[in-house]
């Protein structure tokens, strides 16, 4: 990467002079800011910001940026993350039987829509092994039952460590992850086939049809121990009518699922999502 950048995502109690303090840290060290955005959540009393700057010409080496910024952040009570654009994340895609989100992510990756590596696909079914082989991605079939779940999740964790995975993307992985797994590996994005918080859990299209809704949606969110209740990254909707059967809702929903999941993954990889509590600010 010819012109790498650094990005800070910061949340802290709102107070005067924060923009000046953060910007001056970069200016005083010879940095050139190329993106800066901020939001104040008055109900929570929080200031949230994303600042990205060019590393070329920056006076501090990468390994000293974090400790230097921490000296400013700590007195302000700030929580923060530092990311570098030339650090390429490694993604594991998890699937069950459906392939539409898997294909979409791989195609977008091949089209250079986001910077990442996809070295690993994990599935609780063997059906999509041929897709992994087609794109020369390692595939691991790990069947899950109530009886073997702890043992199999241990195998999954070991694979994530072996492949040095930074992010798990649940691309229609139809299993609930245990609290223990999420504690060990919290960086997980899921796609849910409804406009959350409506129709949490299984069979949302069937329940939407029975309810006679006029809009269906898809939601991509971070995974937490609460089912389908993690911080939301991206959502979208499409209109349906009384003429649509369940099959039509599923077909329209799959189109939404592809797009919404891809957007969420891209925003995460570009370090544009700041999580606070169970909410997010997405800096686009």
Protein backbone atom coordinates (compact mmCIF):
# COMPACT_ATOMS: atom_id res chain seq x y z
CA UNK A 1 0.00 0.00 0.00
CA UNK A 2 1.66 3.19 -1.26
CA UNK A 3 -0.02 5.58 1.17
CA UNK A 4 -1.06 3.73 4.33
CA UNK A 5 -3.26 5.37 6.92
CA UNK A 6 -4.03 5.09 10.61
CA UNK A 7 -7.54 5.33 12.05
CA UNK A 8 -8.66 6.14 15.57
CA UNK A 9 -12.15 5.26 16.79
CA UNK A 10 -12.82 7.09 20.04
CA UNK A 11 -15.66 7.38 22.52
CA UNK A 12 -15.45 9.42 25.70
CA UNK A 13 -17.54 11.57 28.03
CA UNK A 14 -18.57 14.70 26.18
CA UNK A 15 -16.64 17.85 27.12
CA UNK A 16 -15.27 20.96 25.50
CA UNK A 17 -12.14 20.92 23.36
CA UNK A 18 -12.14 17.24 22.37
CA UNK A 19 -11.93 17.84 18.61
CA UNK A 20 -9.00 20.20 19.12
CA UNK A 21 -7.17 17.77 21.43
CA UNK A 22 -7.47 14.82 19.07
CA UNK A 23 -6.69 16.78 15.92
CA UNK A 24 -3.72 18.49 17.56
CA UNK A 25 -2.22 15.09 18.47
CA UNK A 26 -2.06 14.29 14.75
CA UNK A 27 -1.03 17.80 13.64
CA UNK A 28 1.72 18.08 16.26
CA UNK A 29 3.25 14.85 14.97
CA UNK A 30 3.21 15.91 11.32
CA UNK A 31 0.09 14.01 10.28
CA UNK A 32 -2.35 14.89 7.49
CA UNK A 33 -5.99 14.13 8.37
CA UNK A 34 -7.97 12.75 5.41
CA UNK A 35 -11.22 11.87 7.23
CA UNK A 36 -12.78 13.19 10.40
CA UNK A 37 -16.33 12.70 11.60
CA UNK A 38 -18.02 12.92 14.96
CA UNK A 39 -21.29 12.41 16.77
CA UNK A 40 -22.53 13.40 20.20
CA UNK A 41 -25.03 11.14 21.94
CA UNK A 42 -26.54 13.65 24.34
CA UNK A 43 -28.68 11.05 26.12
CA UNK A 44 -25.56 9.05 27.00
CA UNK A 45 -23.32 12.10 27.42
CA UNK A 46 -20.83 10.62 24.96
CA UNK A 47 -18.68 12.07 22.21
CA UNK A 48 -17.81 9.62 19.43
CA UNK A 49 -15.40 10.22 16.58
CA UNK A 50 -13.44 8.62 13.76
CA UNK A 51 -10.19 10.22 12.60
CA UNK A 52 -8.05 8.85 9.75
CA UNK A 53 -4.70 10.25 8.72
CA UNK A 54 -1.81 9.46 6.40
CA UNK A 55 1.19 7.68 7.90
CA UNK A 56 3.64 8.98 5.31
CA UNK A 57 5.41 11.89 6.97
CA UNK A 58 4.00 11.11 10.41
CA UNK A 59 6.71 11.58 13.01
CA UNK A 60 5.79 8.67 15.27
CA UNK A 61 6.55 5.07 14.27
CA UNK A 62 3.53 2.77 14.33
CA UNK A 63 4.51 1.03 17.56
CA UNK A 64 4.66 4.33 19.46
CA UNK A 65 1.35 5.82 18.29
CA UNK A 66 -0.80 3.86 20.76
CA UNK A 67 1.18 4.70 23.92
CA UNK A 68 1.52 8.32 22.84
CA UNK A 69 -2.21 8.69 22.23
CA UNK A 70 -3.08 6.87 25.44
CA UNK A 71 -1.37 9.64 27.40
CA UNK A 72 -4.01 12.00 25.97
CA UNK A 73 -6.95 9.60 26.10
CA UNK A 74 -6.59 8.35 29.67
CA UNK A 75 -7.25 11.66 31.46
CA UNK A 76 -10.34 12.12 29.27
CA UNK A 77 -11.79 8.73 30.22
CA UNK A 78 -11.73 7.72 26.56
CA UNK A 79 -12.16 4.26 25.07
CA UNK A 80 -10.36 3.93 21.76
CA UNK A 81 -9.14 1.64 18.99
CA UNK A 82 -6.22 2.15 16.63
CA UNK A 83 -6.17 0.52 13.19
CA UNK A 84 -3.72 0.57 10.29
CA UNK A 85 -4.86 0.25 6.67
CA UNK A 86 -1.86 -1.89 5.69
CA UNK A 87 -2.83 -4.57 8.24
CA UNK A 88 -4.94 -6.98 6.18
CA UNK A 89 -7.62 -8.77 8.25
CA UNK A 90 -8.25 -12.50 7.85
CA UNK A 91 -11.86 -13.65 7.59
CA UNK A 92 -13.47 -17.02 8.25
CA UNK A 93 -16.87 -17.45 6.60
CA UNK A 94 -19.28 -19.82 8.35
CA UNK A 95 -22.16 -21.38 6.42
CA UNK A 96 -24.76 -24.13 6.62
CA UNK A 97 -26.58 -25.17 3.41
CA UNK A 98 -27.46 -21.84 1.74
CA UNK A 99 -24.82 -20.44 -0.60
CA UNK A 100 -26.07 -17.01 -1.71
CA UNK A 101 -24.24 -14.93 0.91
CA UNK A 102 -21.11 -17.07 0.62
CA UNK A 103 -20.89 -16.59 -3.16
CA UNK A 104 -21.59 -12.88 -2.82
CA UNK A 105 -18.81 -12.29 -0.29
CA UNK A 106 -16.29 -14.28 -2.35
CA UNK A 107 -17.20 -12.48 -5.57
CA UNK A 108 -16.93 -9.08 -3.91
CA UNK A 109 -13.60 -10.06 -2.41
CA UNK A 110 -12.35 -11.17 -5.83
CA UNK A 111 -13.53 -7.83 -7.24
CA UNK A 112 -11.40 -6.02 -4.61
CA UNK A 113 -14.42 -4.42 -2.96
CA UNK A 114 -12.80 -4.88 0.43
CA UNK A 115 -9.27 -5.55 1.62
CA UNK A 116 -9.09 -8.87 3.45
CA UNK A 117 -8.01 -12.47 3.12
CA UNK A 118 -10.50 -15.37 3.19
CA UNK A 119 -8.45 -18.48 4.01
CA UNK A 120 -11.16 -20.50 5.77
CA UNK A 121 -14.77 -21.67 5.43
CA UNK A 122 -16.39 -23.62 8.27
CA UNK A 123 -19.73 -25.40 7.94
CA UNK A 124 -21.94 -27.70 9.99
CA UNK A 125 -22.93 -29.40 6.70
CA UNK A 126 -20.78 -30.76 3.83
CA UNK A 127 -22.92 -29.27 1.04
CA UNK A 128 -20.77 -26.23 0.18
CA UNK A 129 -17.39 -27.95 0.11
CA UNK A 130 -17.36 -27.72 -3.69
CA UNK A 131 -17.75 -23.94 -3.52
CA UNK A 132 -14.70 -23.69 -1.27
CA UNK A 133 -12.74 -25.94 -3.63
CA UNK A 134 -13.78 -23.83 -6.61
CA UNK A 135 -12.18 -20.77 -5.04
CA UNK A 136 -9.29 -22.66 -3.40
CA UNK A 137 -10.39 -21.86 0.15
CA UNK A 138 -9.85 -24.39 2.93
CA UNK A 139 -13.12 -26.02 4.03
CA UNK A 140 -13.78 -27.69 7.36
CA UNK A 141 -16.97 -29.65 8.04
CA UNK A 142 -17.78 -29.59 11.74
CA UNK A 143 -21.24 -31.06 12.44
CA UNK A 144 -22.99 -29.74 15.53
CA UNK A 145 -25.45 -31.48 17.84
CA UNK A 146 -26.63 -30.64 21.34
CA UNK A 147 -24.44 -33.43 22.68
CA UNK A 148 -21.18 -32.50 20.91
CA UNK A 149 -21.48 -28.68 20.83
CA UNK A 150 -18.76 -27.88 23.43
CA UNK A 151 -16.30 -30.30 21.82
CA UNK A 152 -17.02 -29.02 18.29
CA UNK A 153 -16.82 -25.37 19.29
CA UNK A 154 -13.41 -26.10 20.78
CA UNK A 155 -12.36 -27.40 17.35
CA UNK A 156 -13.71 -24.23 15.74
CA UNK A 157 -11.76 -22.02 18.15
CA UNK A 158 -8.61 -23.99 17.42
CA UNK A 159 -9.10 -23.50 13.68
CA UNK A 160 -9.58 -19.75 14.15
CA UNK A 161 -6.30 -19.61 16.03
CA UNK A 162 -4.53 -21.85 13.53
CA UNK A 163 -5.60 -19.66 10.60
CA UNK A 164 -5.03 -16.42 12.57
CA UNK A 165 -8.58 -15.26 11.93
CA UNK A 166 -9.56 -11.71 12.87
CA UNK A 167 -13.26 -11.79 11.95
CA UNK A 168 -15.92 -14.49 11.67
CA UNK A 169 -18.77 -13.82 9.24
CA UNK A 170 -21.88 -15.93 9.75
CA UNK A 171 -23.15 -16.11 6.15
CA UNK A 172 -26.36 -18.02 6.90
CA UNK A 173 -24.79 -20.24 9.53
CA UNK A 174 -27.92 -21.66 11.11
CA UNK A 175 -26.54 -22.40 14.56
CA UNK A 176 -26.57 -20.47 17.82
CA UNK A 177 -23.10 -19.90 19.21
CA UNK A 178 -22.56 -20.53 22.90
CA UNK A 179 -21.75 -17.76 25.37
CA UNK A 180 -18.39 -19.40 26.02
CA UNK A 181 -17.49 -19.29 22.32
CA UNK A 182 -18.48 -15.62 22.00
CA UNK A 183 -16.41 -14.76 25.08
CA UNK A 184 -13.35 -16.41 23.53
CA UNK A 185 -13.92 -14.91 20.06
CA UNK A 186 -16.17 -11.81 20.10
CA UNK A 187 -15.44 -10.48 16.60
CA UNK A 188 -18.44 -12.00 14.79
CA UNK A 189 -20.85 -10.50 12.24
CA UNK A 190 -24.18 -12.16 11.49
CA UNK A 191 -26.89 -11.69 8.85
CA UNK A 192 -30.46 -12.11 10.06
CA UNK A 193 -33.34 -12.36 7.61
CA UNK A 194 -35.66 -9.81 9.16
CA UNK A 195 -35.71 -6.13 10.03
CA UNK A 196 -34.70 -6.54 13.66
CA UNK A 197 -36.04 -6.31 16.29
CA UNK A 198 -39.02 -7.79 14.41
CA UNK A 199 -39.17 -11.58 14.01
CA UNK A 200 -36.17 -12.63 16.08
CA UNK A 201 -35.10 -16.27 15.74
CA UNK A 202 -36.10 -18.91 13.23
CA UNK A 203 -38.46 -18.75 10.24
CA UNK A 204 -38.97 -14.96 10.11
CA UNK A 205 -40.25 -15.03 6.50
CA UNK A 206 -42.99 -17.48 7.41
CA UNK A 207 -43.96 -15.40 10.44
CA UNK A 208 -43.87 -12.22 8.35
CA UNK A 209 -46.18 -13.84 5.80
CA UNK A 210 -48.60 -14.93 8.50
CA UNK A 211 -48.58 -11.40 9.93
CA UNK A 212 -49.31 -9.89 6.51
CA UNK A 213 -46.43 -7.40 6.59
CA UNK A 214 -45.92 -4.93 3.75
CA UNK A 215 -42.18 -4.57 4.25
CA UNK A 216 -39.54 -7.22 4.91
CA UNK A 217 -35.94 -6.57 5.77
CA UNK A 218 -32.50 -7.91 6.58
CA UNK A 219 -30.18 -6.94 9.43
CA UNK A 220 -26.45 -7.41 9.89
CA UNK A 221 -25.23 -7.14 13.45
CA UNK A 222 -22.43 -8.10 15.79
CA UNK A 223 -23.09 -11.33 17.67
CA UNK A 224 -23.65 -11.24 21.42
CA UNK A 225 -24.94 -13.78 23.90
CA UNK A 226 -28.48 -12.41 23.38
CA UNK A 227 -30.04 -14.02 20.30
CA UNK A 228 -30.23 -11.62 17.33
CA UNK A 229 -29.87 -8.67 19.70
CA UNK A 230 -26.29 -7.49 19.13
CA UNK A 231 -25.28 -4.00 17.96
CA UNK A 232 -26.73 -3.36 14.49
CA UNK A 233 -24.34 -2.40 11.68
CA UNK A 234 -26.58 -2.30 8.59
CA UNK A 235 -30.22 -2.82 7.60
CA UNK A 236 -32.39 -2.54 4.51
CA UNK A 237 -35.97 -3.25 3.48
CA UNK A 238 -38.06 -4.10 0.42
CA UNK A 239 -41.81 -3.83 -0.10
CA UNK A 240 -44.00 -6.92 -0.40
CA UNK A 241 -47.72 -7.28 -1.04
CA UNK A 242 -50.66 -9.58 -0.45
CA UNK A 243 -49.83 -11.25 -3.79
CA UNK A 244 -46.48 -12.50 -2.48
CA UNK A 245 -46.26 -16.03 -1.15
CA UNK A 246 -43.64 -17.20 1.35
CA UNK A 247 -41.40 -18.24 -1.56
CA UNK A 248 -41.53 -14.68 -2.91
CA UNK A 249 -40.56 -13.26 0.48
CA UNK A 250 -37.63 -15.67 0.66
CA UNK A 251 -36.47 -14.74 -2.85
CA UNK A 252 -36.68 -11.00 -2.19
CA UNK A 253 -35.13 -11.46 1.22
CA UNK A 254 -32.11 -13.29 -0.14
CA UNK A 255 -31.31 -10.30 -2.35
CA UNK A 256 -31.40 -8.06 0.71
CA UNK A 257 -29.30 -10.47 2.78
CA UNK A 258 -26.47 -10.41 0.25
CA UNK A 259 -26.30 -6.62 0.07
CA UNK A 260 -26.77 -5.92 3.77
CA UNK A 261 -24.13 -8.44 4.85
CA UNK A 262 -21.63 -7.17 2.28
CA UNK A 263 -22.13 -3.58 3.40
CA UNK A 264 -21.66 -4.52 7.05
CA UNK A 265 -18.47 -6.48 6.37
CA UNK A 266 -17.06 -3.64 4.26
CA UNK A 267 -17.85 -1.02 6.93
CA UNK A 268 -16.24 -3.17 9.61
CA UNK A 269 -13.11 -3.77 7.54
CA UNK A 270 -12.81 -0.05 6.83
CA UNK A 271 -12.99 0.63 10.59
CA UNK A 272 -16.10 2.76 10.22
CA UNK A 273 -18.17 1.12 12.97
CA UNK A 274 -17.89 2.32 16.56
CA UNK A 275 -19.74 0.18 19.10
CA UNK A 276 -20.90 1.66 22.40
CA UNK A 277 -23.25 -0.20 24.68
CA UNK A 278 -25.55 -2.13 22.39
CA UNK A 279 -25.55 0.57 19.72
CA UNK A 280 -23.29 1.63 16.89
CA UNK A 281 -22.25 4.78 15.14
CA UNK A 282 -21.39 4.11 11.49
CA UNK A 283 -19.11 6.77 9.99
CA UNK A 284 -19.62 6.67 6.21
